[in-house]
Amino acid sequence: MAALDIDRRSLTDLVNRAEDLDRVLCRRYQTEALAQEFHERFLVARHALRTREWS
């Protein structure tokens, strides 16, 4: 989870890698709280990236 909190130079790279992990976690561990938390944080990061790209 800490990886999503770190201020990185490449949010794009982080979100792309997180998307792959999110897909696997959602499929395999859909009822696990940590997988759900990761998914929520991934969505926030993806939204931040898209918002930043449109600015």
PDB file of N, CA and C in Angstrom:
ATOM      1  N   MET A   1       0.814  -1.193   0.000  1.00  0.00           N
ATOM      2  CA  MET A   1       0.000   0.000   0.000  1.00  0.00           C
ATOM      3  C   MET A   1       0.855   1.253   0.000  1.00  0.00           C
ATOM      4  N   ALA A   2       1.998   1.192   0.591  1.00  0.00           N
ATOM      5  CA  ALA A   2       2.852   2.373   0.708  1.00  0.00           C
ATOM      6  C   ALA A   2       3.274   2.911  -0.646  1.00  0.00           C
ATOM      7  N   ALA A   3       3.364   2.053  -1.644  1.00  0.00           N
ATOM      8  CA  ALA A   3       3.800   2.505  -2.970  1.00  0.00           C
ATOM      9  C   ALA A   3       2.860   3.557  -3.546  1.00  0.00           C
ATOM     10  N   LEU A   4       1.591   3.475  -3.217  1.00  0.00           N
ATOM     11  CA  LEU A   4       0.642   4.451  -3.742  1.00  0.00           C
ATOM     12  C   LEU A   4       0.717   5.779  -3.007  1.00  0.00           C
ATOM     13  N   ASP A   5       1.382   5.806  -1.859  1.00  0.00           N
ATOM     14  CA  ASP A   5       1.514   7.036  -1.090  1.00  0.00           C
ATOM     15  C   ASP A   5       2.775   7.820  -1.431  1.00  0.00           C
ATOM     16  N   ILE A   6       3.726   7.189  -2.075  1.00  0.00           N
ATOM     17  CA  ILE A   6       5.008   7.827  -2.367  1.00  0.00           C
ATOM     18  C   ILE A   6       4.854   8.800  -3.529  1.00  0.00           C
ATOM     19  N   ASP A   7       5.404   9.991  -3.356  1.00  0.00           N
ATOM     20  CA  ASP A   7       5.402  10.971  -4.435  1.00  0.00           C
ATOM     21  C   ASP A   7       6.431  10.530  -5.468  1.00  0.00           C
ATOM     22  N   ARG A   8       5.984  10.177  -6.637  1.00  0.00           N
ATOM     23  CA  ARG A   8       6.873   9.648  -7.670  1.00  0.00           C
ATOM     24  C   ARG A   8       6.982  10.611  -8.833  1.00  0.00           C
ATOM     25  N   ARG A   9       8.062  10.454  -9.568  1.00  0.00           N
ATOM     26  CA  ARG A   9       8.246  11.249 -10.779  1.00  0.00           C
ATOM     27  C   ARG A   9       7.289  10.802 -11.864  1.00  0.00           C
ATOM     28  N   SER A  10       7.014   9.517 -11.917  1.00  0.00           N
ATOM     29  CA  SER A  10       6.181   8.995 -12.985  1.00  0.00           C
ATOM     30  C   SER A  10       4.913   8.365 -12.427  1.00  0.00           C
ATOM     31  N   LEU A  11       3.916   9.182 -12.241  1.00  0.00           N
ATOM     32  CA  LEU A  11       2.624   8.669 -11.791  1.00  0.00           C
ATOM     33  C   LEU A  11       2.049   7.730 -12.845  1.00  0.00           C
ATOM     34  N   THR A  12       2.325   8.011 -14.105  1.00  0.00           N
ATOM     35  CA  THR A  12       1.833   7.162 -15.187  1.00  0.00           C
ATOM     36  C   THR A  12       2.345   5.737 -15.030  1.00  0.00           C
ATOM     37  N   ASP A  13       3.646   5.590 -14.783  1.00  0.00           N
ATOM     38  CA  ASP A  13       4.232   4.259 -14.617  1.00  0.00           C
ATOM     39  C   ASP A  13       3.642   3.555 -13.406  1.00  0.00           C
ATOM     40  N   LEU A  14       3.508   4.270 -12.314  1.00  0.00           N
ATOM     41  CA  LEU A  14       2.943   3.686 -11.100  1.00  0.00           C
ATOM     42  C   LEU A  14       1.514   3.202 -11.340  1.00  0.00           C
ATOM     43  N   VAL A  15       0.702   4.020 -11.977  1.00  0.00           N
ATOM     44  CA  VAL A  15      -0.697   3.654 -12.207  1.00  0.00           C
ATOM     45  C   VAL A  15      -0.789   2.464 -13.160  1.00  0.00           C
ATOM     46  N   ASN A  16       0.058   2.432 -14.170  1.00  0.00           N
ATOM     47  CA  ASN A  16       0.043   1.295 -15.097  1.00  0.00           C
ATOM     48  C   ASN A  16       0.385  -0.007 -14.387  1.00  0.00           C
ATOM     49  N   ARG A  17       1.391   0.031 -13.544  1.00  0.00           N
ATOM     50  CA  ARG A  17       1.773  -1.177 -12.796  1.00  0.00           C
ATOM     51  C   ARG A  17       0.699  -1.540 -11.765  1.00  0.00           C
ATOM     52  N   ALA A  18       0.144  -0.543 -11.129  1.00  0.00           N
ATOM     53  CA  ALA A  18      -0.901  -0.788 -10.133  1.00  0.00           C
ATOM     54  C   ALA A  18      -2.146  -1.379 -10.785  1.00  0.00           C
ATOM     55  N   GLU A  19      -2.422  -0.972 -12.016  1.00  0.00           N
ATOM     56  CA  GLU A  19      -3.593  -1.502 -12.718  1.00  0.00           C
ATOM     57  C   GLU A  19      -3.470  -3.011 -12.925  1.00  0.00           C
ATOM     58  N   ASP A  20      -2.285  -3.455 -13.310  1.00  0.00           N
ATOM     59  CA  ASP A  20      -2.062  -4.893 -13.483  1.00  0.00           C
ATOM     60  C   ASP A  20      -2.276  -5.638 -12.170  1.00  0.00           C
ATOM     61  N   LEU A  21      -1.703  -5.111 -11.105  1.00  0.00           N
ATOM     62  CA  LEU A  21      -1.847  -5.743  -9.795  1.00  0.00           C
ATOM     63  C   LEU A  21      -3.299  -5.705  -9.329  1.00  0.00           C
ATOM     64  N   ASP A  22      -3.961  -4.592  -9.544  1.00  0.00           N
ATOM     65  CA  ASP A  22      -5.358  -4.450  -9.131  1.00  0.00           C
ATOM     66  C   ASP A  22      -6.234  -5.492  -9.809  1.00  0.00           C
ATOM     67  N   ARG A  23      -5.993  -5.713 -11.071  1.00  0.00           N
ATOM     68  CA  ARG A  23      -6.776  -6.693 -11.830  1.00  0.00           C
ATOM     69  C   ARG A  23      -6.643  -8.090 -11.200  1.00  0.00           C
ATOM     70  N   VAL A  24      -5.413  -8.466 -10.865  1.00  0.00           N
ATOM     71  CA  VAL A  24      -5.169  -9.783 -10.264  1.00  0.00           C
ATOM     72  C   VAL A  24      -5.787  -9.864  -8.870  1.00  0.00           C
ATOM     73  N   LEU A  25      -5.574  -8.833  -8.065  1.00  0.00           N
ATOM     74  CA  LEU A  25      -6.120  -8.843  -6.705  1.00  0.00           C
ATOM     75  C   LEU A  25      -7.642  -8.915  -6.712  1.00  0.00           C
ATOM     76  N   CYS A  26      -8.267  -8.163  -7.592  1.00  0.00           N
ATOM     77  CA  CYS A  26      -9.739  -8.165  -7.654  1.00  0.00           C
ATOM     78  C   CYS A  26     -10.276  -9.531  -8.074  1.00  0.00           C
ATOM     79  N   ARG A  27      -9.562 -10.176  -8.971  1.00  0.00           N
ATOM     80  CA  ARG A  27     -10.004 -11.481  -9.456  1.00  0.00           C
ATOM     81  C   ARG A  27      -9.806 -12.573  -8.399  1.00  0.00           C
ATOM     82  N   ARG A  28      -8.642 -12.581  -7.785  1.00  0.00           N
ATOM     83  CA  ARG A  28      -8.304 -13.678  -6.872  1.00  0.00           C
ATOM     84  C   ARG A  28      -8.764 -13.463  -5.435  1.00  0.00           C
ATOM     85  N   TYR A  29      -8.824 -12.215  -5.015  1.00  0.00           N
ATOM     86  CA  TYR A  29      -9.086 -11.924  -3.600  1.00  0.00           C
ATOM     87  C   TYR A  29     -10.210 -10.903  -3.440  1.00  0.00           C
ATOM     88  N   GLN A  30     -11.257 -11.078  -4.210  1.00  0.00           N
ATOM     89  CA  GLN A  30     -12.309 -10.068  -4.251  1.00  0.00           C
ATOM     90  C   GLN A  30     -13.002  -9.809  -2.916  1.00  0.00           C
ATOM     91  N   THR A  31     -12.968 -10.758  -2.007  1.00  0.00           N
ATOM     92  CA  THR A  31     -13.634 -10.550  -0.713  1.00  0.00           C
ATOM     93  C   THR A  31     -12.680 -10.079   0.383  1.00  0.00           C
ATOM     94  N   GLU A  32     -11.400  -9.973   0.075  1.00  0.00           N
ATOM     95  CA  GLU A  32     -10.404  -9.557   1.071  1.00  0.00           C
ATOM     96  C   GLU A  32     -10.391  -8.037   1.230  1.00  0.00           C
ATOM     97  N   ALA A  33     -10.357  -7.588   2.461  1.00  0.00           N
ATOM     98  CA  ALA A  33     -10.379  -6.149   2.747  1.00  0.00           C
ATOM     99  C   ALA A  33      -9.168  -5.423   2.155  1.00  0.00           C
ATOM    100  N   LEU A  34      -7.990  -6.027   2.233  1.00  0.00           N
ATOM    101  CA  LEU A  34      -6.797  -5.364   1.697  1.00  0.00           C
ATOM    102  C   LEU A  34      -6.861  -5.226   0.177  1.00  0.00           C
ATOM    103  N   ALA A  35      -7.417  -6.211  -0.490  1.00  0.00           N
ATOM    104  CA  ALA A  35      -7.576  -6.122  -1.943  1.00  0.00           C
ATOM    105  C   ALA A  35      -8.564  -5.011  -2.293  1.00  0.00           C
ATOM    106  N   GLN A  36      -9.618  -4.899  -1.525  1.00  0.00           N
ATOM    107  CA  GLN A  36     -10.600  -3.842  -1.756  1.00  0.00           C
ATOM    108  C   GLN A  36     -10.004  -2.471  -1.478  1.00  0.00           C
ATOM    109  N   GLU A  37      -9.179  -2.375  -0.426  1.00  0.00           N
ATOM    110  CA  GLU A  37      -8.524  -1.106  -0.110  1.00  0.00           C
ATOM    111  C   GLU A  37      -7.554  -0.713  -1.222  1.00  0.00           C
ATOM    112  N   PHE A  38      -6.796  -1.680  -1.722  1.00  0.00           N
ATOM    113  CA  PHE A  38      -5.874  -1.399  -2.820  1.00  0.00           C
ATOM    114  C   PHE A  38      -6.653  -0.892  -4.031  1.00  0.00           C
ATOM    115  N   HIS A  39      -7.769  -1.539  -4.332  1.00  0.00           N
ATOM    116  CA  HIS A  39      -8.593  -1.139  -5.477  1.00  0.00           C
ATOM    117  C   HIS A  39      -9.061   0.307  -5.328  1.00  0.00           C
ATOM    118  N   GLU A  40      -9.529   0.659  -4.148  1.00  0.00           N
ATOM    119  CA  GLU A  40      -9.993   2.035  -3.903  1.00  0.00           C
ATOM    120  C   GLU A  40      -8.857   3.034  -4.105  1.00  0.00           C
ATOM    121  N   ARG A  41      -7.686   2.707  -3.580  1.00  0.00           N
ATOM    122  CA  ARG A  41      -6.543   3.615  -3.695  1.00  0.00           C
ATOM    123  C   ARG A  41      -6.054   3.682  -5.138  1.00  0.00           C
ATOM    124  N   PHE A  42      -6.139   2.576  -5.845  1.00  0.00           N
ATOM    125  CA  PHE A  42      -5.787   2.568  -7.263  1.00  0.00           C
ATOM    126  C   PHE A  42      -6.714   3.501  -8.036  1.00  0.00           C
ATOM    127  N   LEU A  43      -7.999   3.440  -7.771  1.00  0.00           N
ATOM    128  CA  LEU A  43      -8.953   4.305  -8.466  1.00  0.00           C
ATOM    129  C   LEU A  43      -8.652   5.779  -8.209  1.00  0.00           C
ATOM    130  N   VAL A  44      -8.277   6.110  -6.983  1.00  0.00           N
ATOM    131  CA  VAL A  44      -7.915   7.495  -6.648  1.00  0.00           C
ATOM    132  C   VAL A  44      -6.679   7.919  -7.435  1.00  0.00           C
ATOM    133  N   ALA A  45      -5.674   7.048  -7.481  1.00  0.00           N
ATOM    134  CA  ALA A  45      -4.440   7.364  -8.211  1.00  0.00           C
ATOM    135  C   ALA A  45      -4.713   7.516  -9.702  1.00  0.00           C
ATOM    136  N   ARG A  46      -5.544   6.645 -10.254  1.00  0.00           N
ATOM    137  CA  ARG A  46      -5.870   6.727 -11.687  1.00  0.00           C
ATOM    138  C   ARG A  46      -6.629   8.019 -11.987  1.00  0.00           C
ATOM    139  N   HIS A  47      -7.529   8.372 -11.100  1.00  0.00           N
ATOM    140  CA  HIS A  47      -8.272   9.625 -11.278  1.00  0.00           C
ATOM    141  C   HIS A  47      -7.325  10.827 -11.212  1.00  0.00           C
ATOM    142  N   ALA A  48      -6.383  10.792 -10.272  1.00  0.00           N
ATOM    143  CA  ALA A  48      -5.405  11.880 -10.148  1.00  0.00           C
ATOM    144  C   ALA A  48      -4.581  12.009 -11.419  1.00  0.00           C
ATOM    145  N   LEU A  49      -4.199  10.886 -11.992  1.00  0.00           N
ATOM    146  CA  LEU A  49      -3.424  10.906 -13.232  1.00  0.00           C
ATOM    147  C   LEU A  49      -4.240  11.513 -14.363  1.00  0.00           C
ATOM    148  N   ARG A  50      -5.461  11.075 -14.504  1.00  0.00           N
ATOM    149  CA  ARG A  50      -6.305  11.587 -15.595  1.00  0.00           C
ATOM    150  C   ARG A  50      -6.592  13.075 -15.418  1.00  0.00           C
ATOM    151  N   THR A  51      -6.811  13.491 -14.176  1.00  0.00           N
ATOM    152  CA  THR A  51      -7.062  14.905 -13.897  1.00  0.00           C
ATOM    153  C   THR A  51      -5.833  15.734 -14.225  1.00  0.00           C
ATOM    154  N   ARG A  52      -4.665  15.226 -13.856  1.00  0.00           N
ATOM    155  CA  ARG A  52      -3.411  15.940 -14.120  1.00  0.00           C
ATOM    156  C   ARG A  52      -3.131  16.029 -15.618  1.00  0.00           C
ATOM    157  N   GLU A  53      -3.451  14.974 -16.360  1.00  0.00           N
ATOM    158  CA  GLU A  53      -3.215  14.969 -17.802  1.00  0.00           C
ATOM    159  C   GLU A  53      -4.097  15.984 -18.518  1.00  0.00           C
ATOM    160  N   TRP A  54      -5.271  16.244 -17.986  1.00  0.00           N
ATOM    161  CA  TRP A  54      -6.197  17.176 -18.630  1.00  0.00           C
ATOM    162  C   TRP A  54      -5.937  18.621 -18.232  1.00  0.00           C
ATOM    163  N   SER A  55      -5.063  18.832 -17.266  1.00  0.00           N
ATOM    164  CA  SER A  55      -4.786  20.202 -16.800  1.00  0.00           C
ATOM    165  C   SER A  55      -3.818  20.915 -17.705  1.00  0.00           C
TER     166      SER A  55
END
